[in-house]
N, C-alpha and C. Protein backbone atom coordinates (compact mmCIF):
# COMPACT_ATOMS: atom_id res chain seq x y z
N MET A 1 80.64 63.55 67.57
CA MET A 1 79.90 62.32 67.91
C MET A 1 80.77 61.76 68.79
N GLU A 2 79.88 61.36 69.78
CA GLU A 2 79.42 61.09 71.79
C GLU A 2 79.87 59.52 71.52
N HIS A 3 80.90 59.62 72.45
CA HIS A 3 80.95 57.87 72.82
C HIS A 3 81.10 57.82 74.24
N SER A 4 80.38 56.86 74.99
CA SER A 4 80.19 56.13 76.12
C SER A 4 81.34 55.98 75.95
N LEU A 5 81.41 55.34 77.25
CA LEU A 5 82.41 54.45 78.17
C LEU A 5 83.22 53.25 77.45
N MET A 6 81.60 52.25 76.94
CA MET A 6 81.76 51.23 76.76
C MET A 6 81.25 51.18 75.34
N GLU A 7 81.08 52.28 74.49
CA GLU A 7 81.68 52.48 73.06
C GLU A 7 83.24 52.91 73.23
N ILE A 8 83.62 53.01 73.50
CA ILE A 8 85.13 53.26 73.83
C ILE A 8 85.89 52.10 74.13
N TRP A 9 85.26 51.27 74.80
CA TRP A 9 85.88 50.08 75.60
C TRP A 9 85.53 49.19 74.52
N GLU A 10 85.02 48.86 74.06
CA GLU A 10 84.87 48.14 72.29
C GLU A 10 85.70 48.34 71.07
N THR A 11 85.65 49.57 71.26
CA THR A 11 86.83 49.89 70.31
C THR A 11 88.30 49.86 70.05
N MET A 12 88.53 49.83 71.70
CA MET A 12 89.81 49.71 71.65
C MET A 12 90.22 48.13 71.47
N GLY A 13 91.87 47.95 71.22
CA GLY A 13 92.44 47.04 70.96
C GLY A 13 93.09 46.03 72.49
N PHE A 14 93.60 44.70 71.66
CA PHE A 14 93.91 44.06 72.86
C PHE A 14 95.15 45.06 73.97
N LEU A 15 96.02 45.52 73.43
CA LEU A 15 97.14 45.99 73.98
C LEU A 15 95.87 47.41 75.25
N ALA A 16 95.65 48.35 74.64
CA ALA A 16 94.88 49.34 75.02
C ALA A 16 94.08 48.62 76.13
N ARG A 17 93.24 48.21 76.64
CA ARG A 17 92.16 46.86 77.14
C ARG A 17 93.21 46.20 77.77
N LEU A 18 94.81 46.26 77.57
CA LEU A 18 95.36 45.41 79.00
C LEU A 18 95.85 46.91 80.09
N VAL A 19 96.06 47.63 78.88
CA VAL A 19 96.29 48.84 79.92
C VAL A 19 96.13 49.10 80.75
N ALA A 20 94.46 49.64 80.38
CA ALA A 20 93.61 49.74 80.84
C ALA A 20 92.77 48.64 82.54
N VAL A 21 92.95 47.62 81.99
CA VAL A 21 92.80 46.38 83.33
C VAL A 21 93.52 46.65 84.37
N THR A 22 95.22 46.40 83.20
CA THR A 22 96.26 46.99 84.80
C THR A 22 95.49 47.55 85.34
N LEU A 23 95.67 48.75 85.06
CA LEU A 23 95.36 50.37 86.09
C LEU A 23 94.21 49.80 87.19
N VAL A 24 93.06 49.74 86.40
CA VAL A 24 92.17 49.24 87.42
C VAL A 24 92.21 47.87 88.14
N GLY A 25 93.17 47.53 88.14
CA GLY A 25 93.40 45.75 89.29
C GLY A 25 94.54 46.52 90.05
N MET A 26 95.59 47.71 89.19
CA MET A 26 96.51 48.24 90.65
C MET A 26 95.60 48.52 91.33
N GLY A 27 94.82 49.67 90.77
CA GLY A 27 93.85 50.88 91.85
C GLY A 27 93.52 50.08 92.98
N VAL A 28 92.58 48.96 92.17
CA VAL A 28 92.06 47.90 93.40
C VAL A 28 92.81 47.44 94.61
N ILE A 29 93.87 46.92 94.16
CA ILE A 29 94.68 46.53 95.23
C ILE A 29 95.12 47.62 95.75
N SER A 30 95.62 48.48 95.00
CA SER A 30 95.60 49.58 96.71
C SER A 30 94.81 49.92 97.39
N LEU A 31 93.51 50.04 96.62
CA LEU A 31 92.37 50.56 97.94
C LEU A 31 93.25 49.27 98.92
N GLY A 32 92.96 48.08 98.50
CA GLY A 32 92.82 47.46 99.21
C GLY A 32 93.66 46.86 100.83
N ILE A 33 94.77 47.71 99.84
CA ILE A 33 95.96 47.53 100.93
C ILE A 33 96.09 48.36 101.59
N SER A 34 95.71 49.68 101.37
CA SER A 34 95.55 50.72 102.30
C SER A 34 94.19 50.84 102.98
N LEU A 35 93.06 50.02 102.68
CA LEU A 35 92.29 49.80 103.25
C LEU A 35 92.72 49.09 104.93
N GLU A 36 93.73 47.72 104.29
CA GLU A 36 94.58 46.99 105.08
C GLU A 36 94.96 47.46 106.42
N ARG A 37 95.67 48.04 105.88
CA ARG A 37 96.95 48.98 106.77
C ARG A 37 96.11 50.10 107.59
N PHE A 38 94.88 50.85 107.40
CA PHE A 38 94.48 52.04 107.94
C PHE A 38 93.83 51.52 109.39
N TRP A 39 93.59 49.86 109.35
CA TRP A 39 92.17 49.19 109.98
C TRP A 39 93.91 48.64 111.04
N VAL A 40 94.85 47.93 110.15
CA VAL A 40 95.91 47.41 111.64
C VAL A 40 97.00 48.71 112.12
N LEU A 41 96.77 50.33 111.50
CA LEU A 41 97.11 51.11 112.11
C LEU A 41 95.86 51.42 113.82
N LYS A 42 95.13 51.69 113.35
CA LYS A 42 93.56 51.84 114.67
C LYS A 42 94.11 50.70 115.80
N SER A 43 93.70 49.46 115.27
CA SER A 43 93.58 48.61 116.06
C SER A 43 95.38 48.56 116.75
N SER A 44 95.98 48.62 116.18
CA SER A 44 96.83 48.64 117.19
C SER A 44 97.82 49.75 117.93
N GLU A 45 97.05 50.69 117.84
CA GLU A 45 96.77 51.80 118.78
C GLU A 45 95.84 51.63 119.52
N SER A 46 95.14 51.53 119.39
CA SER A 46 93.91 50.83 119.92
C SER A 46 94.03 50.04 121.17
N ILE A 47 94.99 48.51 121.13
CA ILE A 47 95.47 47.45 121.82
C ILE A 47 96.26 48.02 122.53
N SER A 48 97.42 48.98 121.73
CA SER A 48 98.70 49.41 122.50
C SER A 48 98.25 50.06 123.69
N GLY A 49 97.21 51.22 123.37
CA GLY A 49 97.16 52.04 124.53
C GLY A 49 96.46 51.58 125.50
N LEU A 50 95.69 50.58 125.19
CA LEU A 50 94.60 49.91 126.78
C LEU A 50 96.36 49.16 127.35
N PHE A 51 96.98 48.90 126.35
CA PHE A 51 98.21 47.66 127.45
C PHE A 51 98.79 48.59 128.04
N ALA A 52 99.41 49.72 127.34
CA ALA A 52 99.63 51.03 128.26
C ALA A 52 99.58 51.40 129.36
N GLN A 53 97.65 51.43 130.08
CA GLN A 53 97.44 51.40 130.54
C GLN A 53 97.37 50.30 131.93
N LYS A 54 96.95 49.29 131.11
CA LYS A 54 97.43 48.34 132.15
C LYS A 54 99.09 47.49 132.77
N SER A 55 99.50 48.18 132.11
CA SER A 55 101.33 47.64 132.02
C SER A 55 101.65 49.11 133.09
N LYS A 56 101.43 50.20 133.14
CA LYS A 56 101.80 51.17 134.17
C LYS A 56 101.85 51.16 136.07
N PRO A 57 100.72 50.53 135.96
CA PRO A 57 101.31 50.15 137.62
C PRO A 57 101.93 49.22 138.27
N LEU A 58 101.78 47.75 136.50
CA LEU A 58 102.92 46.38 136.84
C LEU A 58 104.34 47.47 137.14
N VAL A 59 104.55 48.57 135.65
CA VAL A 59 106.02 49.21 135.57
C VAL A 59 106.59 50.09 137.26
N ASP A 60 105.31 51.08 137.43
CA ASP A 60 105.24 51.60 139.00
C ASP A 60 105.54 51.23 140.02
N ASP A 61 105.42 49.27 140.27
CA ASP A 61 105.75 48.24 141.35
C ASP A 61 107.20 48.22 140.96
N GLY A 62 107.83 47.85 139.90
CA GLY A 62 108.57 46.41 139.14
C GLY A 62 108.52 45.23 139.26
N GLU A 63 106.60 45.25 138.34
CA GLU A 63 106.75 43.76 138.63
C GLU A 63 106.64 42.88 137.42
N VAL A 64 108.37 42.29 136.82
CA VAL A 64 108.80 41.78 135.91
C VAL A 64 107.57 41.09 134.93
N ASP A 65 107.08 39.99 136.53
CA ASP A 65 107.09 38.69 136.29
C ASP A 65 105.38 38.77 135.67
N ARG A 66 104.82 39.57 135.99
CA ARG A 66 103.03 40.04 136.34
C ARG A 66 103.28 41.07 134.95
N LEU A 67 104.58 42.19 134.98
CA LEU A 67 104.20 42.51 132.62
C LEU A 67 104.52 41.98 132.35
N LEU A 68 104.96 40.52 132.42
CA LEU A 68 105.77 39.44 131.01
C LEU A 68 103.97 38.94 130.91
N ASP A 69 103.59 38.06 132.12
CA ASP A 69 102.72 37.52 131.79
C ASP A 69 100.94 38.61 131.26
N LEU A 70 100.86 39.40 131.41
CA LEU A 70 99.98 40.48 130.83
C LEU A 70 100.50 41.15 129.49
N ALA A 71 101.67 41.16 129.09
CA ALA A 71 102.13 41.17 127.77
C ALA A 71 102.05 39.72 126.51
N ARG A 72 102.54 38.37 127.59
CA ARG A 72 102.11 37.80 126.95
C ARG A 72 100.02 37.25 126.63
N GLY A 73 99.94 38.16 127.21
CA GLY A 73 97.71 37.22 127.72
C GLY A 73 97.21 37.64 125.74
N LYS A 74 96.38 36.97 125.69
CA LYS A 74 95.96 36.22 124.54
C LYS A 74 94.99 37.83 123.93
N GLU A 75 94.62 38.48 125.22
CA GLU A 75 93.99 40.30 124.85
C GLU A 75 95.14 40.90 124.27
N PHE A 76 96.24 40.71 123.98
CA PHE A 76 97.52 41.92 123.82
C PHE A 76 97.71 41.08 122.85
N SER A 77 98.05 39.92 121.80
CA SER A 77 98.73 39.24 121.04
C SER A 77 98.84 40.41 119.38
N LYS A 78 97.79 41.44 119.21
CA LYS A 78 98.37 41.97 118.28
C LYS A 78 98.78 43.10 118.39
N SER A 79 99.51 43.71 119.61
CA SER A 79 99.10 44.66 119.79
C SER A 79 100.97 44.82 119.74
N PRO A 80 101.35 45.22 118.56
CA PRO A 80 103.05 45.51 118.91
C PRO A 80 104.02 46.01 120.19
N LEU A 81 103.23 46.91 120.98
CA LEU A 81 103.70 47.21 122.18
C LEU A 81 104.10 45.97 123.04
N ALA A 82 103.49 45.11 122.97
CA ALA A 82 103.05 44.37 124.03
C ALA A 82 103.92 43.47 123.51
N ARG A 83 104.23 43.37 122.51
CA ARG A 83 104.89 42.15 122.08
C ARG A 83 106.51 42.36 121.89
N LEU A 84 106.59 43.99 121.99
CA LEU A 84 107.64 44.82 122.09
C LEU A 84 108.80 44.28 123.73
N THR A 85 107.48 44.44 124.44
CA THR A 85 107.43 43.88 125.87
C THR A 85 107.64 42.88 126.36
N THR A 86 107.65 41.71 125.51
CA THR A 86 107.63 40.57 125.71
C THR A 86 109.60 39.89 125.13
N PHE A 87 108.96 40.35 123.85
CA PHE A 87 110.96 39.54 123.32
C PHE A 87 111.79 40.75 124.69
N GLY A 88 112.19 41.94 125.23
CA GLY A 88 112.29 42.72 125.82
C GLY A 88 112.83 41.29 127.15
N LEU A 89 111.61 41.48 127.94
CA LEU A 89 111.73 40.76 129.53
C LEU A 89 112.29 39.25 128.94
N ASP A 90 111.41 38.31 127.61
CA ASP A 90 112.96 36.95 128.14
C ASP A 90 113.92 37.39 127.61
N THR A 91 114.05 38.25 126.91
CA THR A 91 116.16 38.44 126.84
C THR A 91 116.27 38.83 127.87
N PHE A 92 115.92 40.20 128.66
CA PHE A 92 116.73 40.38 130.26
C PHE A 92 116.37 39.11 130.86
N LYS A 93 114.98 38.06 130.75
CA LYS A 93 114.70 36.82 131.88
C LYS A 93 116.17 36.00 131.69
N ARG A 94 116.59 36.04 130.19
CA ARG A 94 117.13 35.05 130.12
C ARG A 94 119.00 34.89 129.71
N TYR A 95 118.98 36.48 130.59
CA TYR A 95 120.65 36.40 130.76
C TYR A 95 120.42 37.07 131.53
N ASP A 96 119.38 37.44 132.43
CA ASP A 96 119.64 37.80 133.87
C ASP A 96 120.35 38.09 135.10
N ASP A 97 121.48 36.75 134.82
CA ASP A 97 122.60 36.06 135.41
C ASP A 97 123.75 37.05 136.14
N THR A 98 124.18 36.92 133.94
CA THR A 98 125.00 37.80 133.46
C THR A 98 125.08 39.25 133.80
N GLU A 99 126.01 40.34 134.08
CA GLU A 99 126.37 41.67 133.64
C GLU A 99 125.64 42.25 132.04
N GLN A 100 125.85 41.54 131.13
CA GLN A 100 125.83 42.52 130.16
C GLN A 100 124.38 41.83 130.21
N ALA A 101 123.24 41.63 130.56
CA ALA A 101 121.58 41.22 130.65
C ALA A 101 121.39 42.85 129.41
N LEU A 102 120.94 44.07 130.41
CA LEU A 102 121.00 45.02 129.95
C LEU A 102 121.04 45.07 128.23
N GLU A 103 121.92 45.30 128.09
CA GLU A 103 123.14 45.53 127.10
C GLU A 103 122.38 44.55 125.57
N PHE A 104 122.43 42.93 126.29
CA PHE A 104 121.84 41.69 125.56
C PHE A 104 119.70 42.62 125.27
N THR A 105 120.40 43.39 126.22
CA THR A 105 118.01 43.36 125.90
C THR A 105 118.13 44.61 124.81
N ARG A 106 118.85 45.35 125.21
CA ARG A 106 118.67 46.52 123.83
C ARG A 106 118.91 46.46 122.76
N ARG A 107 119.95 45.30 122.58
CA ARG A 107 120.46 44.96 121.12
C ARG A 107 119.11 44.00 120.87
N ASP A 108 118.78 43.28 121.39
CA ASP A 108 117.79 42.95 120.72
C ASP A 108 116.38 43.17 120.53
N LEU A 109 116.28 44.21 120.94
CA LEU A 109 115.11 45.43 121.54
C LEU A 109 115.13 46.22 119.90
N GLU A 110 116.33 46.58 119.39
CA GLU A 110 116.82 47.80 118.51
C GLU A 110 116.49 46.15 117.25
N ARG A 111 116.73 45.41 117.17
CA ARG A 111 116.31 44.23 116.01
C ARG A 111 115.07 44.17 115.92
N ARG A 112 114.13 43.99 117.36
CA ARG A 112 112.60 43.81 117.17
C ARG A 112 112.26 44.79 116.61
N LEU A 113 112.72 45.76 116.75
CA LEU A 113 111.72 47.20 116.44
C LEU A 113 111.93 47.20 115.14
N GLU A 114 113.26 46.64 114.44
CA GLU A 114 113.24 46.23 112.90
C GLU A 114 112.02 45.40 112.12
N VAL A 115 111.93 44.37 112.96
CA VAL A 115 111.56 43.97 112.25
C VAL A 115 109.40 44.00 112.81
N LEU A 116 109.54 44.98 113.82
CA LEU A 116 108.08 45.21 113.97
C LEU A 116 107.69 46.17 113.04
N GLY A 117 108.88 47.02 112.70
CA GLY A 117 108.70 48.49 111.64
C GLY A 117 108.28 47.99 110.23
N ALA A 118 109.22 46.72 109.87
CA ALA A 118 109.02 45.52 108.37
C ALA A 118 107.75 45.27 108.36
N GLN A 119 107.08 44.35 109.62
CA GLN A 119 105.98 43.93 109.83
C GLN A 119 104.73 45.15 109.01
N ALA A 120 105.17 46.17 110.07
CA ALA A 120 104.06 47.22 109.81
C ALA A 120 103.95 48.19 108.29
N ARG A 121 104.62 47.89 107.98
CA ARG A 121 105.34 48.08 106.86
C ARG A 121 104.67 48.01 105.51
N ARG A 122 104.26 46.20 106.00
CA ARG A 122 103.80 45.55 104.75
C ARG A 122 102.80 45.62 104.08
N GLY A 123 103.36 45.86 102.62
CA GLY A 123 102.50 46.66 101.04
C GLY A 123 103.13 48.13 100.88
N MET A 124 103.46 48.38 101.83
CA MET A 124 103.72 50.11 101.20
C MET A 124 104.44 49.97 100.15
N GLY A 125 104.91 49.22 100.39
CA GLY A 125 106.18 49.07 98.26
C GLY A 125 105.50 49.30 97.29
N PHE A 126 104.23 48.12 97.40
CA PHE A 126 103.51 48.65 96.20
C PHE A 126 102.62 49.47 96.38
N LEU A 127 102.32 50.35 97.48
CA LEU A 127 101.40 51.31 97.16
C LEU A 127 102.61 52.11 96.28
N ALA A 128 104.06 52.69 96.73
CA ALA A 128 104.95 53.23 96.25
C ALA A 128 105.06 53.03 94.97
N SER A 129 105.33 51.77 94.24
CA SER A 129 105.47 51.68 92.67
C SER A 129 104.15 51.93 91.69
N VAL A 130 102.98 51.58 92.95
CA VAL A 130 101.94 52.52 91.65
C VAL A 130 102.12 53.86 91.75
N GLY A 131 102.40 54.31 92.83
CA GLY A 131 102.21 55.88 92.40
C GLY A 131 103.34 56.16 91.37
N SER A 132 104.12 55.43 91.21
CA SER A 132 105.24 55.67 90.28
C SER A 132 105.66 55.64 89.40
N THR A 133 104.35 54.57 88.90
CA THR A 133 104.43 53.13 87.54
C THR A 133 103.54 53.83 87.15
N ALA A 134 102.58 54.58 87.49
CA ALA A 134 101.19 54.08 87.01
C ALA A 134 101.49 55.92 85.95
N PRO A 135 101.02 56.67 86.20
CA PRO A 135 101.37 57.73 85.06
C PRO A 135 101.94 57.08 83.84
N PHE A 136 103.23 55.87 84.11
CA PHE A 136 103.74 55.57 82.53
C PHE A 136 102.97 55.07 82.25
N ILE A 137 102.35 54.38 82.87
CA ILE A 137 101.65 52.61 82.76
C ILE A 137 100.33 53.86 81.08
N GLY A 138 99.62 54.65 82.50
CA GLY A 138 98.65 55.19 81.15
C GLY A 138 99.60 56.61 80.20
N LEU A 139 100.64 56.83 80.17
CA LEU A 139 101.02 56.78 79.21
C LEU A 139 101.31 55.96 78.13
N PHE A 140 101.80 55.15 78.47
CA PHE A 140 101.38 54.18 76.98
C PHE A 140 100.00 53.52 76.61
N GLY A 141 99.38 53.51 77.66
CA GLY A 141 98.32 54.10 77.11
C GLY A 141 97.79 55.11 75.99
N THR A 142 98.06 55.91 76.07
CA THR A 142 98.28 57.47 75.01
C THR A 142 98.87 57.66 74.36
N VAL A 143 100.04 56.83 74.00
CA VAL A 143 100.87 56.09 73.00
C VAL A 143 99.86 55.11 71.97
N ILE A 144 99.23 54.33 72.34
CA ILE A 144 98.45 53.02 71.87
C ILE A 144 97.03 54.44 71.43
N GLY A 145 96.56 54.70 71.66
CA GLY A 145 95.46 55.68 71.51
C GLY A 145 95.71 56.70 70.39
N ILE A 146 97.24 57.60 70.27
CA ILE A 146 97.03 57.94 68.97
C ILE A 146 97.39 57.47 68.17
N ILE A 147 98.34 55.73 68.59
CA ILE A 147 98.30 54.85 67.05
C ILE A 147 97.46 54.57 66.38
N THR A 148 96.12 54.39 67.89
CA THR A 148 94.48 54.28 66.92
C THR A 148 94.21 55.11 66.38
N ALA A 149 94.36 56.25 67.21
CA ALA A 149 93.85 57.66 65.87
C ALA A 149 94.64 57.98 64.29
N PHE A 150 95.54 57.43 64.63
CA PHE A 150 96.03 57.80 63.26
C PHE A 150 96.17 56.21 61.92
N GLN A 151 95.98 55.33 62.77
CA GLN A 151 95.33 54.20 61.73
C GLN A 151 94.20 54.52 61.68
N GLY A 152 92.64 55.42 62.49
CA GLY A 152 91.59 55.77 61.77
C GLY A 152 91.60 56.97 60.43
N ILE A 153 92.90 57.40 61.07
CA ILE A 153 92.98 58.92 59.74
C ILE A 153 93.60 58.08 58.43
N ALA A 154 94.24 56.63 58.72
CA ALA A 154 95.11 55.74 57.29
C ALA A 154 93.25 55.21 56.45
N ALA A 155 92.73 54.76 57.60
CA ALA A 155 91.38 53.96 56.99
C ALA A 155 90.49 54.88 56.46
N SER A 156 89.97 56.32 56.50
CA SER A 156 89.37 56.74 56.54
C SER A 156 89.66 57.56 55.13
N GLY A 157 91.17 57.86 54.96
CA GLY A 157 91.66 58.57 54.07
C GLY A 157 91.31 60.61 54.44
N GLY A 158 91.34 60.00 55.29
CA GLY A 158 91.64 61.91 55.43
C GLY A 158 91.47 62.08 56.86
N GLY A 159 91.44 63.58 57.44
CA GLY A 159 91.67 63.93 59.14
C GLY A 159 90.41 63.91 59.81
N GLY A 160 89.07 64.34 59.19
CA GLY A 160 88.16 64.20 60.09
C GLY A 160 88.20 63.68 61.60
N LEU A 161 87.17 64.68 61.76
CA LEU A 161 86.92 64.48 63.88
C LEU A 161 86.34 62.65 64.06
N ASP A 162 85.42 62.18 62.87
CA ASP A 162 84.72 60.64 63.20
C ASP A 162 86.01 60.23 62.81
N ALA A 163 87.22 60.27 62.74
CA ALA A 163 87.93 59.38 61.99
C ALA A 163 88.96 59.19 63.19
N VAL A 164 89.12 60.40 64.54
CA VAL A 164 90.34 60.35 65.40
C VAL A 164 90.16 60.29 66.57
N SER A 165 88.49 60.61 66.32
CA SER A 165 87.35 60.76 67.95
C SER A 165 88.23 59.50 68.75
N ALA A 166 87.66 58.72 68.25
CA ALA A 166 87.44 57.21 69.18
C ALA A 166 89.31 57.15 69.44
N GLY A 167 90.44 57.26 68.55
CA GLY A 167 91.40 56.96 69.39
C GLY A 167 91.58 58.56 70.47
N ILE A 168 91.80 59.32 70.24
CA ILE A 168 91.64 60.59 71.23
C ILE A 168 91.02 59.87 72.34
N ALA A 169 89.37 59.84 72.10
CA ALA A 169 88.79 60.00 73.46
C ALA A 169 89.72 57.95 74.65
N GLU A 170 90.37 57.13 73.70
CA GLU A 170 90.26 56.31 74.27
C GLU A 170 91.96 56.38 75.05
N ALA A 171 92.94 57.56 74.12
CA ALA A 171 93.83 58.14 74.67
C ALA A 171 94.33 59.26 76.13
N LEU A 172 93.16 59.87 76.33
CA LEU A 172 92.90 60.55 77.43
C LEU A 172 92.10 59.81 78.55
N ILE A 173 91.11 58.60 78.26
CA ILE A 173 91.03 58.17 79.52
C ILE A 173 91.68 56.84 79.94
N VAL A 174 92.78 56.51 79.68
CA VAL A 174 93.66 55.47 80.27
C VAL A 174 94.97 56.51 80.42
N THR A 175 95.10 57.67 80.10
CA THR A 175 95.67 58.55 80.89
C THR A 175 95.24 59.21 82.13
N ALA A 176 93.61 59.24 81.92
CA ALA A 176 92.95 60.02 83.41
C ALA A 176 93.17 59.27 84.41
N VAL A 177 93.21 57.66 83.48
CA VAL A 177 92.68 56.77 85.26
C VAL A 177 94.00 56.70 85.34
N GLY A 178 95.38 56.48 85.07
CA GLY A 178 97.27 56.06 85.36
C GLY A 178 96.77 57.92 86.29
N LEU A 179 96.52 58.35 85.82
CA LEU A 179 96.87 59.94 86.91
C LEU A 179 96.11 60.02 88.09
N VAL A 180 94.85 59.33 88.14
CA VAL A 180 93.73 59.13 89.05
C VAL A 180 94.59 58.05 90.08
N VAL A 181 94.62 56.87 89.62
CA VAL A 181 95.63 56.17 90.81
C VAL A 181 96.22 56.23 91.03
N ALA A 182 98.03 56.91 90.28
CA ALA A 182 98.78 57.70 91.02
C ALA A 182 98.83 58.24 92.10
N ILE A 183 97.51 59.77 91.78
CA ILE A 183 97.63 60.75 92.99
C ILE A 183 97.45 59.90 94.03
N VAL A 184 96.04 59.50 93.85
CA VAL A 184 95.32 58.65 95.05
C VAL A 184 96.71 57.87 95.81
N SER A 185 97.54 56.56 95.16
CA SER A 185 98.50 56.28 95.93
C SER A 185 99.41 56.98 96.38
N VAL A 186 99.94 58.06 95.89
CA VAL A 186 101.40 58.68 96.65
C VAL A 186 100.34 58.82 97.85
N LEU A 187 99.43 59.94 98.12
CA LEU A 187 98.81 60.29 98.84
C LEU A 187 98.68 59.88 100.17
N ILE A 188 97.73 58.54 99.84
CA ILE A 188 98.24 57.89 100.76
C ILE A 188 99.28 56.62 101.00
N PHE A 189 99.88 56.82 100.08
CA PHE A 189 101.22 56.31 101.20
C PHE A 189 101.54 57.27 102.01
N ASN A 190 102.07 58.87 101.54
CA ASN A 190 102.54 60.03 102.82
C ASN A 190 101.60 60.13 103.58
N TYR A 191 100.84 60.08 104.26
CA TYR A 191 99.51 59.41 104.95
C TYR A 191 100.37 58.12 105.86
N LEU A 192 100.12 57.63 104.97
CA LEU A 192 99.90 55.81 106.06
C LEU A 192 101.92 56.27 106.25
N SER A 193 102.87 56.88 105.60
CA SER A 193 104.41 56.95 106.33
C SER A 193 104.35 57.41 107.13
N GLY A 194 103.67 58.79 107.26
CA GLY A 194 103.94 59.51 108.86
C GLY A 194 103.19 58.77 109.92
N ARG A 195 101.80 58.08 109.71
CA ARG A 195 101.60 57.39 111.14
C ARG A 195 102.72 56.56 111.42
N PHE A 196 103.56 56.15 110.05
CA PHE A 196 103.60 54.56 110.62
C PHE A 196 105.35 55.50 110.85
N ASP A 197 105.36 56.35 110.82
CA ASP A 197 106.91 57.23 111.24
C ASP A 197 106.23 57.44 112.86
N LYS A 198 105.77 57.71 112.69
CA LYS A 198 104.83 58.36 114.35
C LYS A 198 104.92 56.62 115.58
N LEU A 199 104.13 55.79 115.01
CA LEU A 199 104.27 54.93 115.56
C LEU A 199 105.63 54.25 116.07
N ASP A 200 106.77 54.27 115.10
CA ASP A 200 107.79 53.68 114.72
C ASP A 200 108.53 55.19 116.50
N MET A 201 108.39 56.08 116.46
CA MET A 201 108.83 56.70 117.33
C MET A 201 108.34 56.83 118.60
N ASN A 202 107.18 55.57 118.58
CA ASN A 202 106.64 55.72 120.10
C ASN A 202 107.21 54.09 120.42
N MET A 203 107.50 53.16 119.60
CA MET A 203 107.89 52.40 119.81
C MET A 203 109.58 52.21 120.51
N ASN A 204 110.22 53.79 119.78
CA ASN A 204 111.65 53.58 119.83
C ASN A 204 111.58 54.12 121.72
N HIS A 205 110.69 55.11 121.18
CA HIS A 205 109.98 55.21 123.31
C HIS A 205 110.31 54.21 123.83
N ALA A 206 109.47 53.44 123.97
CA ALA A 206 108.80 53.15 124.97
C ALA A 206 110.29 51.43 125.17
N ALA A 207 110.88 51.28 123.93
CA ALA A 207 111.30 49.90 124.12
C ALA A 207 113.13 50.84 124.76
N GLY A 208 113.25 52.66 124.82
CA GLY A 208 113.99 52.65 126.15
C GLY A 208 113.31 53.13 127.66
N GLU A 209 111.98 52.78 127.36
CA GLU A 209 111.69 53.21 128.91
C GLU A 209 111.63 51.65 129.54
N LEU A 210 111.88 50.73 128.57
CA LEU A 210 111.50 49.32 128.82
C LEU A 210 113.46 49.44 129.67
N VAL A 211 113.99 49.38 129.24
CA VAL A 211 115.72 49.61 129.11
C VAL A 211 115.98 50.22 131.19
N ASP A 212 114.30 50.96 130.27
CA ASP A 212 115.07 52.20 131.80
C ASP A 212 114.36 51.40 132.94
N PHE A 213 113.34 50.65 132.64
CA PHE A 213 112.96 50.46 133.90
C PHE A 213 113.22 48.95 134.79
N LEU A 214 114.43 47.84 133.49
CA LEU A 214 115.17 46.93 133.95
C LEU A 214 116.34 47.51 134.69
N GLU A 215 116.84 48.57 133.91
CA GLU A 215 118.18 49.10 134.68
C GLU A 215 117.88 49.22 136.20
N ALA A 216 116.78 50.29 136.38
CA ALA A 216 116.59 50.73 137.73
C ALA A 216 116.33 49.36 138.65
N ARG A 217 115.55 48.57 138.26
CA ARG A 217 115.22 47.39 138.92
C ARG A 217 116.04 46.66 139.13
N GLY A 218 117.21 46.66 138.53
CA GLY A 218 118.16 46.10 138.67
C GLY A 218 118.90 46.86 140.07
N ASP A 219 119.14 48.19 139.90
CA ASP A 219 120.20 49.54 140.45
C ASP A 219 119.50 48.98 142.23
N LYS A 220 117.68 48.75 142.09
CA LYS A 220 117.19 48.75 143.48
C LYS A 220 117.73 47.21 143.93
N ALA A 221 117.89 45.68 142.70
CA ALA A 221 117.92 44.46 143.66
C ALA A 221 120.04 44.76 144.12
C-alpha cells in the first residue's frame, strides 16, 4: 500500500504532528537566521573595506579628527571597523591629557571587540542548538511512529504490512526531517563560525593598528 505525504499526515497523531511541525519550524527559523547572518557578513565586509580605503590616507597623515569624523559618518554606521575606530578614538581623546591614554584606549578596544563579536554572532546559538537537538527530536518522532505501528498490529490482530506501514512511514519521515534539519544547521553553523573567526582576527588586527597609530602620533607630538 502506498502512502502519500498527505495521507501520512492525516494518519499522524497529535504528538507526531507536533514533532513534525516543530522540526519544520526549527528549519525555517534556522534558514532565516542563516540568510540574515550571510547578509550581515557580506555587508560588513564590503562597508569595512570601503572605510579602510578612505581612512588609509588619513592614518598616513596622522589626521585624528578627520579620521574620527569619517568613522562617525552615516555612510559607515553599519561598519564594525568604523565603529571600533570611533570607540578607540573617542576613548583616546577623552584621556588625551593623561599618560595612560593609550592603556585606557587599549582596554576599551578589548571590551568593544567582545561586544562587536557577540553582536556579529547573534543567532548562532540557535543554529548550534538546532544542530544538536534536531536528531533527538526526530528520534522522539521515530518512537511515536513505532508505537503507532504496534497499535496498528494490535488493532488488526495480526502483523501484516498494511497494519504497520503507516506507523513505519511516519517514523522514517520524521527521522529524515530531523536529520536534514540538523545536518544543514551544523554545516551552516561551521561555515559561519569560520567566517566570524576571520572577522574577529581582522578586527583584532585593526585594533592593534589603531593603537600603534595613536602611539606613533604621540611620539611625533
